[in-house]
Amino acid sequence: MRNTATAQTALDLADASPRRSGAVVLEGEAMKCHFCKKFPPAAFDDMCDAGWIPSFWDGETEVDNPVCGECCKDQLQFNVQRGGFSLKVNPLGAVVLGQSIQAKGD
């Protein structure tokens, strides 16, 4: 038998959710790209098709923020040893962020 009180509460939460405006919700907050703050497509399949990834590595720290496909190409590189994406690093060991270069540790 269906619990109508629980179903109604879920419907009330869905009506108040940012998902109604097309934003994907993760743990109560609207999910955005870590770098450009763009909102992802509303459907999970569309996110995957657009190249979004759920997290990346900054040195030894996993950053649990999603990244859009464009920023993934610009800001990240695939690390075969780790099996995931990491911040791009130039040959001098500086992290590349957009068009500027920041030395690691700044």
PDB file of N, CA and C in Angstrom:
ATOM      1  N   MET A   1       0.837  -1.193   0.000  1.00  0.00           N
ATOM      2  CA  MET A   1       0.000   0.000   0.000  1.00  0.00           C
ATOM      3  C   MET A   1       0.874   1.245   0.000  1.00  0.00           C
ATOM      4  N   ARG A   2       0.504   2.231  -0.753  1.00  0.00           N
ATOM      5  CA  ARG A   2       1.274   3.461  -0.917  1.00  0.00           C
ATOM      6  C   ARG A   2       1.028   4.413   0.248  1.00  0.00           C
ATOM      7  N   ASN A   3       2.075   4.991   0.772  1.00  0.00           N
ATOM      8  CA  ASN A   3       1.975   5.961   1.855  1.00  0.00           C
ATOM      9  C   ASN A   3       1.755   7.334   1.224  1.00  0.00           C
ATOM     10  N   THR A   4       0.533   7.839   1.280  1.00  0.00           N
ATOM     11  CA  THR A   4       0.207   9.093   0.603  1.00  0.00           C
ATOM     12  C   THR A   4       0.861  10.295   1.268  1.00  0.00           C
ATOM     13  N   ALA A   5       1.104  10.235   2.580  1.00  0.00           N
ATOM     14  CA  ALA A   5       1.758  11.354   3.263  1.00  0.00           C
ATOM     15  C   ALA A   5       3.181  11.523   2.731  1.00  0.00           C
ATOM     16  N   THR A   6       3.897  10.428   2.576  1.00  0.00           N
ATOM     17  CA  THR A   6       5.252  10.488   2.062  1.00  0.00           C
ATOM     18  C   THR A   6       5.258  10.951   0.611  1.00  0.00           C
ATOM     19  N   ALA A   7       4.339  10.439  -0.182  1.00  0.00           N
ATOM     20  CA  ALA A   7       4.258  10.830  -1.593  1.00  0.00           C
ATOM     21  C   ALA A   7       3.955  12.325  -1.713  1.00  0.00           C
ATOM     22  N   GLN A   8       3.052  12.833  -0.879  1.00  0.00           N
ATOM     23  CA  GLN A   8       2.714  14.246  -0.927  1.00  0.00           C
ATOM     24  C   GLN A   8       3.915  15.106  -0.527  1.00  0.00           C
ATOM     25  N   THR A   9       4.645  14.684   0.500  1.00  0.00           N
ATOM     26  CA  THR A   9       5.827  15.428   0.925  1.00  0.00           C
ATOM     27  C   THR A   9       6.854  15.477  -0.190  1.00  0.00           C
ATOM     28  N   ALA A  10       7.047  14.367  -0.864  1.00  0.00           N
ATOM     29  CA  ALA A  10       7.997  14.324  -1.978  1.00  0.00           C
ATOM     30  C   ALA A  10       7.558  15.256  -3.096  1.00  0.00           C
ATOM     31  N   LEU A  11       6.260  15.300  -3.374  1.00  0.00           N
ATOM     32  CA  LEU A  11       5.757  16.206  -4.404  1.00  0.00           C
ATOM     33  C   LEU A  11       5.951  17.660  -3.997  1.00  0.00           C
ATOM     34  N   ASP A  12       5.723  17.976  -2.720  1.00  0.00           N
ATOM     35  CA  ASP A  12       5.937  19.337  -2.235  1.00  0.00           C
ATOM     36  C   ASP A  12       7.403  19.740  -2.397  1.00  0.00           C
ATOM     37  N   LEU A  13       8.323  18.833  -2.057  1.00  0.00           N
ATOM     38  CA  LEU A  13       9.741  19.116  -2.198  1.00  0.00           C
ATOM     39  C   LEU A  13      10.117  19.302  -3.657  1.00  0.00           C
ATOM     40  N   ALA A  14       9.542  18.497  -4.529  1.00  0.00           N
ATOM     41  CA  ALA A  14       9.835  18.609  -5.959  1.00  0.00           C
ATOM     42  C   ALA A  14       9.378  19.960  -6.500  1.00  0.00           C
ATOM     43  N   ASP A  15       8.221  20.450  -6.004  1.00  0.00           N
ATOM     44  CA  ASP A  15       7.719  21.746  -6.460  1.00  0.00           C
ATOM     45  C   ASP A  15       8.626  22.888  -6.031  1.00  0.00           C
ATOM     46  N   ALA A  16       9.286  22.770  -4.877  1.00  0.00           N
ATOM     47  CA  ALA A  16      10.148  23.825  -4.361  1.00  0.00           C
ATOM     48  C   ALA A  16      11.588  23.680  -4.840  1.00  0.00           C
ATOM     49  N   SER A  17      11.876  22.628  -5.540  1.00  0.00           N
ATOM     50  CA  SER A  17      13.247  22.308  -5.934  1.00  0.00           C
ATOM     51  C   SER A  17      13.726  23.150  -7.105  1.00  0.00           C
ATOM     52  N   PRO A  18      15.046  23.466  -7.149  1.00  0.00           N
ATOM     53  CA  PRO A  18      15.590  24.159  -8.323  1.00  0.00           C
ATOM     54  C   PRO A  18      15.492  23.334  -9.596  1.00  0.00           C
ATOM     55  N   ARG A  19      15.237  22.015  -9.476  1.00  0.00           N
ATOM     56  CA  ARG A  19      15.100  21.166 -10.649  1.00  0.00           C
ATOM     57  C   ARG A  19      13.985  21.667 -11.557  1.00  0.00           C
ATOM     58  N   ARG A  20      12.979  22.305 -10.980  1.00  0.00           N
ATOM     59  CA  ARG A  20      11.885  22.849 -11.778  1.00  0.00           C
ATOM     60  C   ARG A  20      12.394  23.873 -12.793  1.00  0.00           C
ATOM     61  N   SER A  21      13.467  24.571 -12.428  1.00  0.00           N
ATOM     62  CA  SER A  21      14.008  25.589 -13.337  1.00  0.00           C
ATOM     63  C   SER A  21      15.068  25.009 -14.269  1.00  0.00           C
ATOM     64  N   GLY A  22      15.247  23.692 -14.235  1.00  0.00           N
ATOM     65  CA  GLY A  22      16.208  23.058 -15.114  1.00  0.00           C
ATOM     66  C   GLY A  22      17.542  22.763 -14.464  1.00  0.00           C
ATOM     67  N   ALA A  23      17.742  23.181 -13.220  1.00  0.00           N
ATOM     68  CA  ALA A  23      19.012  22.927 -12.532  1.00  0.00           C
ATOM     69  C   ALA A  23      19.003  21.530 -11.933  1.00  0.00           C
ATOM     70  N   VAL A  24      20.126  20.854 -11.976  1.00  0.00           N
ATOM     71  CA  VAL A  24      20.262  19.544 -11.360  1.00  0.00           C
ATOM     72  C   VAL A  24      20.645  19.760  -9.908  1.00  0.00           C
ATOM     73  N   VAL A  25      20.037  18.994  -9.003  1.00  0.00           N
ATOM     74  CA  VAL A  25      20.270  19.181  -7.576  1.00  0.00           C
ATOM     75  C   VAL A  25      21.119  18.039  -7.040  1.00  0.00           C
ATOM     76  N   LEU A  26      22.153  18.384  -6.295  1.00  0.00           N
ATOM     77  CA  LEU A  26      23.019  17.406  -5.663  1.00  0.00           C
ATOM     78  C   LEU A  26      23.145  17.798  -4.204  1.00  0.00           C
ATOM     79  N   GLU A  27      22.642  16.954  -3.297  1.00  0.00           N
ATOM     80  CA  GLU A  27      22.679  17.194  -1.868  1.00  0.00           C
ATOM     81  C   GLU A  27      22.084  18.551  -1.500  1.00  0.00           C
ATOM     82  N   GLY A  28      20.952  18.891  -2.074  1.00  0.00           N
ATOM     83  CA  GLY A  28      20.224  20.091  -1.695  1.00  0.00           C
ATOM     84  C   GLY A  28      20.688  21.379  -2.359  1.00  0.00           C
ATOM     85  N   GLU A  29      21.753  21.358  -3.127  1.00  0.00           N
ATOM     86  CA  GLU A  29      22.229  22.558  -3.794  1.00  0.00           C
ATOM     87  C   GLU A  29      22.197  22.355  -5.306  1.00  0.00           C
ATOM     88  N   ALA A  30      22.003  23.446  -6.026  1.00  0.00           N
ATOM     89  CA  ALA A  30      22.018  23.360  -7.484  1.00  0.00           C
ATOM     90  C   ALA A  30      23.448  23.087  -7.932  1.00  0.00           C
ATOM     91  N   MET A  31      23.610  22.120  -8.797  1.00  0.00           N
ATOM     92  CA  MET A  31      24.929  21.727  -9.282  1.00  0.00           C
ATOM     93  C   MET A  31      25.342  22.658 -10.422  1.00  0.00           C
ATOM     94  N   LYS A  32      26.602  23.135 -10.381  1.00  0.00           N
ATOM     95  CA  LYS A  32      27.155  24.002 -11.418  1.00  0.00           C
ATOM     96  C   LYS A  32      28.562  23.540 -11.735  1.00  0.00           C
ATOM     97  N   CYS A  33      29.063  23.957 -12.885  1.00  0.00           N
ATOM     98  CA  CYS A  33      30.442  23.667 -13.267  1.00  0.00           C
ATOM     99  C   CYS A  33      31.389  24.333 -12.265  1.00  0.00           C
ATOM    100  N   HIS A  34      32.407  23.615 -11.840  1.00  0.00           N
ATOM    101  CA  HIS A  34      33.371  24.126 -10.872  1.00  0.00           C
ATOM    102  C   HIS A  34      34.076  25.388 -11.379  1.00  0.00           C
ATOM    103  N   PHE A  35      34.350  25.468 -12.679  1.00  0.00           N
ATOM    104  CA  PHE A  35      35.120  26.574 -13.233  1.00  0.00           C
ATOM    105  C   PHE A  35      34.259  27.733 -13.729  1.00  0.00           C
ATOM    106  N   CYS A  36      33.297  27.460 -14.605  1.00  0.00           N
ATOM    107  CA  CYS A  36      32.536  28.543 -15.234  1.00  0.00           C
ATOM    108  C   CYS A  36      31.174  28.805 -14.579  1.00  0.00           C
ATOM    109  N   LYS A  37      30.785  27.964 -13.640  1.00  0.00           N
ATOM    110  CA  LYS A  37      29.521  28.095 -12.892  1.00  0.00           C
ATOM    111  C   LYS A  37      28.281  27.937 -13.759  1.00  0.00           C
ATOM    112  N   LYS A  38      28.441  27.323 -14.930  1.00  0.00           N
ATOM    113  CA  LYS A  38      27.316  27.056 -15.827  1.00  0.00           C
ATOM    114  C   LYS A  38      26.484  25.903 -15.256  1.00  0.00           C
ATOM    115  N   PHE A  39      25.160  25.976 -15.410  1.00  0.00           N
ATOM    116  CA  PHE A  39      24.286  24.886 -14.991  1.00  0.00           C
ATOM    117  C   PHE A  39      24.309  23.771 -16.033  1.00  0.00           C
ATOM    118  N   PRO A  40      24.247  22.526 -15.605  1.00  0.00           N
ATOM    119  CA  PRO A  40      24.245  21.406 -16.556  1.00  0.00           C
ATOM    120  C   PRO A  40      22.868  21.214 -17.186  1.00  0.00           C
ATOM    121  N   PRO A  41      22.808  20.415 -18.247  1.00  0.00           N
ATOM    122  CA  PRO A  41      21.498  20.043 -18.788  1.00  0.00           C
ATOM    123  C   PRO A  41      20.686  19.335 -17.712  1.00  0.00           C
ATOM    124  N   ALA A  42      19.372  19.407 -17.798  1.00  0.00           N
ATOM    125  CA  ALA A  42      18.508  18.834 -16.771  1.00  0.00           C
ATOM    126  C   ALA A  42      18.557  17.307 -16.739  1.00  0.00           C
ATOM    127  N   ALA A  43      18.719  16.674 -17.881  1.00  0.00           N
ATOM    128  CA  ALA A  43      18.717  15.208 -17.948  1.00  0.00           C
ATOM    129  C   ALA A  43      20.133  14.658 -17.819  1.00  0.00           C
ATOM    130  N   PHE A  44      20.295  13.594 -17.046  1.00  0.00           N
ATOM    131  CA  PHE A  44      21.594  12.982 -16.814  1.00  0.00           C
ATOM    132  C   PHE A  44      22.236  12.534 -18.128  1.00  0.00           C
ATOM    133  N   ASP A  45      21.459  11.932 -19.011  1.00  0.00           N
ATOM    134  CA  ASP A  45      21.996  11.484 -20.310  1.00  0.00           C
ATOM    135  C   ASP A  45      22.547  12.657 -21.125  1.00  0.00           C
ATOM    136  N   ASP A  46      21.861  13.803 -21.053  1.00  0.00           N
ATOM    137  CA  ASP A  46      22.320  14.993 -21.772  1.00  0.00           C
ATOM    138  C   ASP A  46      23.631  15.516 -21.177  1.00  0.00           C
ATOM    139  N   MET A  47      23.774  15.401 -19.848  1.00  0.00           N
ATOM    140  CA  MET A  47      25.025  15.798 -19.194  1.00  0.00           C
ATOM    141  C   MET A  47      26.183  14.949 -19.719  1.00  0.00           C
ATOM    142  N   CYS A  48      25.952  13.652 -19.779  1.00  0.00           N
ATOM    143  CA  CYS A  48      26.996  12.732 -20.269  1.00  0.00           C
ATOM    144  C   CYS A  48      27.340  13.031 -21.722  1.00  0.00           C
ATOM    145  N   ASP A  49      26.320  13.259 -22.543  1.00  0.00           N
ATOM    146  CA  ASP A  49      26.538  13.564 -23.963  1.00  0.00           C
ATOM    147  C   ASP A  49      27.313  14.872 -24.148  1.00  0.00           C
ATOM    148  N   ALA A  50      27.132  15.828 -23.216  1.00  0.00           N
ATOM    149  CA  ALA A  50      27.811  17.124 -23.304  1.00  0.00           C
ATOM    150  C   ALA A  50      29.210  17.082 -22.688  1.00  0.00           C
ATOM    151  N   GLY A  51      29.635  15.928 -22.181  1.00  0.00           N
ATOM    152  CA  GLY A  51      30.997  15.773 -21.676  1.00  0.00           C
ATOM    153  C   GLY A  51      31.219  16.161 -20.232  1.00  0.00           C
ATOM    154  N   TRP A  52      30.152  16.334 -19.449  1.00  0.00           N
ATOM    155  CA  TRP A  52      30.306  16.679 -18.034  1.00  0.00           C
ATOM    156  C   TRP A  52      30.951  15.515 -17.287  1.00  0.00           C
ATOM    157  N   ILE A  53      31.821  15.835 -16.320  1.00  0.00           N
ATOM    158  CA  ILE A  53      32.409  14.817 -15.455  1.00  0.00           C
ATOM    159  C   ILE A  53      32.065  15.176 -14.002  1.00  0.00           C
ATOM    160  N   PRO A  54      31.952  14.169 -13.111  1.00  0.00           N
ATOM    161  CA  PRO A  54      31.500  14.432 -11.739  1.00  0.00           C
ATOM    162  C   PRO A  54      32.563  14.989 -10.804  1.00  0.00           C
ATOM    163  N   SER A  55      33.851  14.768 -11.086  1.00  0.00           N
ATOM    164  CA  SER A  55      34.902  15.230 -10.183  1.00  0.00           C
ATOM    165  C   SER A  55      36.242  15.211 -10.913  1.00  0.00           C
ATOM    166  N   PHE A  56      37.275  15.774 -10.266  1.00  0.00           N
ATOM    167  CA  PHE A  56      38.621  15.770 -10.834  1.00  0.00           C
ATOM    168  C   PHE A  56      39.631  15.810  -9.696  1.00  0.00           C
ATOM    169  N   TRP A  57      40.896  15.635 -10.028  1.00  0.00           N
ATOM    170  CA  TRP A  57      41.972  15.625  -9.033  1.00  0.00           C
ATOM    171  C   TRP A  57      42.781  16.905  -9.117  1.00  0.00           C
ATOM    172  N   ASP A  58      43.085  17.472  -7.954  1.00  0.00           N
ATOM    173  CA  ASP A  58      43.995  18.602  -7.814  1.00  0.00           C
ATOM    174  C   ASP A  58      45.139  18.098  -6.950  1.00  0.00           C
ATOM    175  N   GLY A  59      46.189  17.622  -7.599  1.00  0.00           N
ATOM    176  CA  GLY A  59      47.277  16.972  -6.860  1.00  0.00           C
ATOM    177  C   GLY A  59      46.783  15.673  -6.257  1.00  0.00           C
ATOM    178  N   GLU A  60      46.844  15.562  -4.952  1.00  0.00           N
ATOM    179  CA  GLU A  60      46.404  14.357  -4.242  1.00  0.00           C
ATOM    180  C   GLU A  60      44.982  14.481  -3.705  1.00  0.00           C
ATOM    181  N   THR A  61      44.305  15.591  -4.009  1.00  0.00           N
ATOM    182  CA  THR A  61      42.967  15.854  -3.492  1.00  0.00           C
ATOM    183  C   THR A  61      41.933  15.698  -4.585  1.00  0.00           C
ATOM    184  N   GLU A  62      40.905  14.877  -4.328  1.00  0.00           N
ATOM    185  CA  GLU A  62      39.809  14.755  -5.282  1.00  0.00           C
ATOM    186  C   GLU A  62      38.817  15.884  -5.018  1.00  0.00           C
ATOM    187  N   VAL A  63      38.503  16.647  -6.044  1.00  0.00           N
ATOM    188  CA  VAL A  63      37.547  17.749  -5.956  1.00  0.00           C
ATOM    189  C   VAL A  63      36.207  17.219  -6.434  1.00  0.00           C
ATOM    190  N   ASP A  64      35.246  17.134  -5.535  1.00  0.00           N
ATOM    191  CA  ASP A  64      33.939  16.542  -5.848  1.00  0.00           C
ATOM    192  C   ASP A  64      32.972  17.563  -6.425  1.00  0.00           C
ATOM    193  N   ASN A  65      33.414  18.335  -7.388  1.00  0.00           N
ATOM    194  CA  ASN A  65      32.562  19.284  -8.086  1.00  0.00           C
ATOM    195  C   ASN A  65      32.538  18.904  -9.559  1.00  0.00           C
ATOM    196  N   PRO A  66      31.373  18.982 -10.197  1.00  0.00           N
ATOM    197  CA  PRO A  66      31.297  18.630 -11.621  1.00  0.00           C
ATOM    198  C   PRO A  66      31.975  19.680 -12.496  1.00  0.00           C
ATOM    199  N   VAL A  67      32.351  19.256 -13.699  1.00  0.00           N
ATOM    200  CA  VAL A  67      32.988  20.143 -14.667  1.00  0.00           C
ATOM    201  C   VAL A  67      32.307  19.928 -16.013  1.00  0.00           C
ATOM    202  N   CYS A  68      31.958  21.032 -16.685  1.00  0.00           N
ATOM    203  CA  CYS A  68      31.307  20.933 -18.001  1.00  0.00           C
ATOM    204  C   CYS A  68      32.319  20.473 -19.053  1.00  0.00           C
ATOM    205  N   GLY A  69      31.824  20.057 -20.183  1.00  0.00           N
ATOM    206  CA  GLY A  69      32.670  19.547 -21.250  1.00  0.00           C
ATOM    207  C   GLY A  69      33.685  20.561 -21.757  1.00  0.00           C
ATOM    208  N   GLU A  70      33.272  21.839 -21.897  1.00  0.00           N
ATOM    209  CA  GLU A  70      34.190  22.859 -22.390  1.00  0.00           C
ATOM    210  C   GLU A  70      35.328  23.097 -21.398  1.00  0.00           C
ATOM    211  N   CYS A  71      34.997  23.234 -20.130  1.00  0.00           N
ATOM    212  CA  CYS A  71      36.026  23.472 -19.111  1.00  0.00           C
ATOM    213  C   CYS A  71      36.897  22.234 -18.922  1.00  0.00           C
ATOM    214  N   CYS A  72      36.305  21.064 -19.120  1.00  0.00           N
ATOM    215  CA  CYS A  72      37.088  19.827 -19.027  1.00  0.00           C
ATOM    216  C   CYS A  72      38.194  19.848 -20.070  1.00  0.00           C
ATOM    217  N   LYS A  73      37.881  20.277 -21.287  1.00  0.00           N
ATOM    218  CA  LYS A  73      38.886  20.357 -22.358  1.00  0.00           C
ATOM    219  C   LYS A  73      39.934  21.428 -22.067  1.00  0.00           C
ATOM    220  N   ASP A  74      39.487  22.574 -21.525  1.00  0.00           N
ATOM    221  CA  ASP A  74      40.381  23.706 -21.294  1.00  0.00           C
ATOM    222  C   ASP A  74      41.225  23.562 -20.031  1.00  0.00           C
ATOM    223  N   GLN A  75      40.648  23.008 -18.974  1.00  0.00           N
ATOM    224  CA  GLN A  75      41.282  23.040 -17.655  1.00  0.00           C
ATOM    225  C   GLN A  75      41.877  21.714 -17.189  1.00  0.00           C
ATOM    226  N   LEU A  76      41.408  20.598 -17.763  1.00  0.00           N
ATOM    227  CA  LEU A  76      41.791  19.289 -17.232  1.00  0.00           C
ATOM    228  C   LEU A  76      42.469  18.419 -18.284  1.00  0.00           C
ATOM    229  N   GLN A  77      43.177  17.423 -17.827  1.00  0.00           N
ATOM    230  CA  GLN A  77      43.767  16.407 -18.698  1.00  0.00           C
ATOM    231  C   GLN A  77      43.524  15.054 -18.052  1.00  0.00           C
ATOM    232  N   PHE A  78      43.419  14.018 -18.871  1.00  0.00           N
ATOM    233  CA  PHE A  78      43.191  12.682 -18.339  1.00  0.00           C
ATOM    234  C   PHE A  78      44.507  12.122 -17.831  1.00  0.00           C
ATOM    235  N   ASN A  79      44.513  11.669 -16.591  1.00  0.00           N
ATOM    236  CA  ASN A  79      45.686  11.086 -15.964  1.00  0.00           C
ATOM    237  C   ASN A  79      45.535   9.571 -16.007  1.00  0.00           C
ATOM    238  N   VAL A  80      46.304   8.915 -16.869  1.00  0.00           N
ATOM    239  CA  VAL A  80      46.185   7.467 -17.067  1.00  0.00           C
ATOM    240  C   VAL A  80      46.530   6.711 -15.792  1.00  0.00           C
ATOM    241  N   GLN A  81      47.560   7.154 -15.078  1.00  0.00           N
ATOM    242  CA  GLN A  81      47.965   6.469 -13.849  1.00  0.00           C
ATOM    243  C   GLN A  81      46.879   6.511 -12.790  1.00  0.00           C
ATOM    244  N   ARG A  82      46.213   7.641 -12.664  1.00  0.00           N
ATOM    245  CA  ARG A  82      45.161   7.796 -11.656  1.00  0.00           C
ATOM    246  C   ARG A  82      43.821   7.260 -12.156  1.00  0.00           C
ATOM    247  N   GLY A  83      43.646   7.261 -13.469  1.00  0.00           N
ATOM    248  CA  GLY A  83      42.380   6.808 -14.029  1.00  0.00           C
ATOM    249  C   GLY A  83      41.288   7.846 -13.945  1.00  0.00           C
ATOM    250  N   GLY A  84      41.660   9.124 -13.887  1.00  0.00           N
ATOM    251  CA  GLY A  84      40.686  10.204 -13.808  1.00  0.00           C
ATOM    252  C   GLY A  84      41.294  11.488 -14.341  1.00  0.00           C
ATOM    253  N   PHE A  85      40.522  12.570 -14.287  1.00  0.00           N
ATOM    254  CA  PHE A  85      40.976  13.860 -14.779  1.00  0.00           C
ATOM    255  C   PHE A  85      41.697  14.624 -13.680  1.00  0.00           C
ATOM    256  N   SER A  86      42.759  15.352 -14.078  1.00  0.00           N
ATOM    257  CA  SER A  86      43.535  16.198 -13.181  1.00  0.00           C
ATOM    258  C   SER A  86      43.687  17.569 -13.821  1.00  0.00           C
ATOM    259  N   LEU A  87      44.019  18.581 -13.002  1.00  0.00           N
ATOM    260  CA  LEU A  87      44.291  19.900 -13.540  1.00  0.00           C
ATOM    261  C   LEU A  87      45.457  19.823 -14.520  1.00  0.00           C
ATOM    262  N   LYS A  88      45.379  20.594 -15.606  1.00  0.00           N
ATOM    263  CA  LYS A  88      46.473  20.628 -16.571  1.00  0.00           C
ATOM    264  C   LYS A  88      47.697  21.260 -15.917  1.00  0.00           C
ATOM    265  N   VAL A  89      48.850  20.720 -16.240  1.00  0.00           N
ATOM    266  CA  VAL A  89      50.122  21.247 -15.728  1.00  0.00           C
ATOM    267  C   VAL A  89      51.041  21.485 -16.917  1.00  0.00           C
ATOM    268  N   ASN A  90      51.689  22.656 -16.945  1.00  0.00           N
ATOM    269  CA  ASN A  90      52.633  22.919 -18.034  1.00  0.00           C
ATOM    270  C   ASN A  90      53.975  22.260 -17.713  1.00  0.00           C
ATOM    271  N   PRO A  91      54.924  22.218 -18.637  1.00  0.00           N
ATOM    272  CA  PRO A  91      56.201  21.533 -18.403  1.00  0.00           C
ATOM    273  C   PRO A  91      56.996  22.082 -17.217  1.00  0.00           C
ATOM    274  N   LEU A  92      56.732  23.314 -16.790  1.00  0.00           N
ATOM    275  CA  LEU A  92      57.458  23.897 -15.658  1.00  0.00           C
ATOM    276  C   LEU A  92      56.822  23.549 -14.318  1.00  0.00           C
ATOM    277  N   GLY A  93      55.720  22.804 -14.345  1.00  0.00           N
ATOM    278  CA  GLY A  93      55.071  22.392 -13.105  1.00  0.00           C
ATOM    279  C   GLY A  93      54.033  23.355 -12.585  1.00  0.00           C
ATOM    280  N   ALA A  94      53.664  24.363 -13.385  1.00  0.00           N
ATOM    281  CA  ALA A  94      52.634  25.306 -12.968  1.00  0.00           C
ATOM    282  C   ALA A  94      51.279  24.815 -13.462  1.00  0.00           C
ATOM    283  N   VAL A  95      50.263  25.034 -12.656  1.00  0.00           N
ATOM    284  CA  VAL A  95      48.906  24.645 -13.033  1.00  0.00           C
ATOM    285  C   VAL A  95      48.366  25.682 -14.007  1.00  0.00           C
ATOM    286  N   VAL A  96      47.787  25.230 -15.103  1.00  0.00           N
ATOM    287  CA  VAL A  96      47.230  26.117 -16.128  1.00  0.00           C
ATOM    288  C   VAL A  96      45.750  26.317 -15.838  1.00  0.00           C
ATOM    289  N   LEU A  97      45.348  27.566 -15.585  1.00  0.00           N
ATOM    290  CA  LEU A  97      43.945  27.897 -15.350  1.00  0.00           C
ATOM    291  C   LEU A  97      43.516  28.925 -16.382  1.00  0.00           C
ATOM    292  N   GLY A  98      42.689  28.506 -17.307  1.00  0.00           N
ATOM    293  CA  GLY A  98      42.256  29.395 -18.377  1.00  0.00           C
ATOM    294  C   GLY A  98      43.447  29.856 -19.188  1.00  0.00           C
ATOM    295  N   GLN A  99      43.565  31.159 -19.408  1.00  0.00           N
ATOM    296  CA  GLN A  99      44.674  31.707 -20.177  1.00  0.00           C
ATOM    297  C   GLN A  99      45.876  32.057 -19.296  1.00  0.00           C
ATOM    298  N   SER A 100      45.667  32.097 -17.969  1.00  0.00           N
ATOM    299  CA  SER A 100      46.757  32.466 -17.073  1.00  0.00           C
ATOM    300  C   SER A 100      47.425  31.217 -16.518  1.00  0.00           C
ATOM    301  N   ILE A 101      48.613  31.393 -15.993  1.00  0.00           N
ATOM    302  CA  ILE A 101      49.335  30.286 -15.374  1.00  0.00           C
ATOM    303  C   ILE A 101      49.603  30.671 -13.921  1.00  0.00           C
ATOM    304  N   GLN A 102      49.253  29.783 -13.007  1.00  0.00           N
ATOM    305  CA  GLN A 102      49.510  29.997 -11.592  1.00  0.00           C
ATOM    306  C   GLN A 102      50.460  28.926 -11.110  1.00  0.00           C
ATOM    307  N   ALA A 103      51.519  29.333 -10.436  1.00  0.00           N
ATOM    308  CA  ALA A 103      52.453  28.352  -9.880  1.00  0.00           C
ATOM    309  C   ALA A 103      51.745  27.576  -8.785  1.00  0.00           C
ATOM    310  N   LYS A 104      51.970  26.279  -8.748  1.00  0.00           N
ATOM    311  CA  LYS A 104      51.359  25.413  -7.749  1.00  0.00           C
ATOM    312  C   LYS A 104      51.756  25.933  -6.369  1.00  0.00           C
ATOM    313  N   GLY A 105      50.775  26.124  -5.498  1.00  0.00           N
ATOM    314  CA  GLY A 105      51.029  26.605  -4.154  1.00  0.00           C
ATOM    315  C   GLY A 105      50.711  28.082  -3.975  1.00  0.00           C
ATOM    316  N   ASP A 106      50.435  28.809  -5.069  1.00  0.00           N
ATOM    317  CA  ASP A 106      50.076  30.235  -4.953  1.00  0.00           C
ATOM    318  C   ASP A 106      48.667  30.359  -4.451  1.00  0.00           C
TER     319      ASP A 106
END
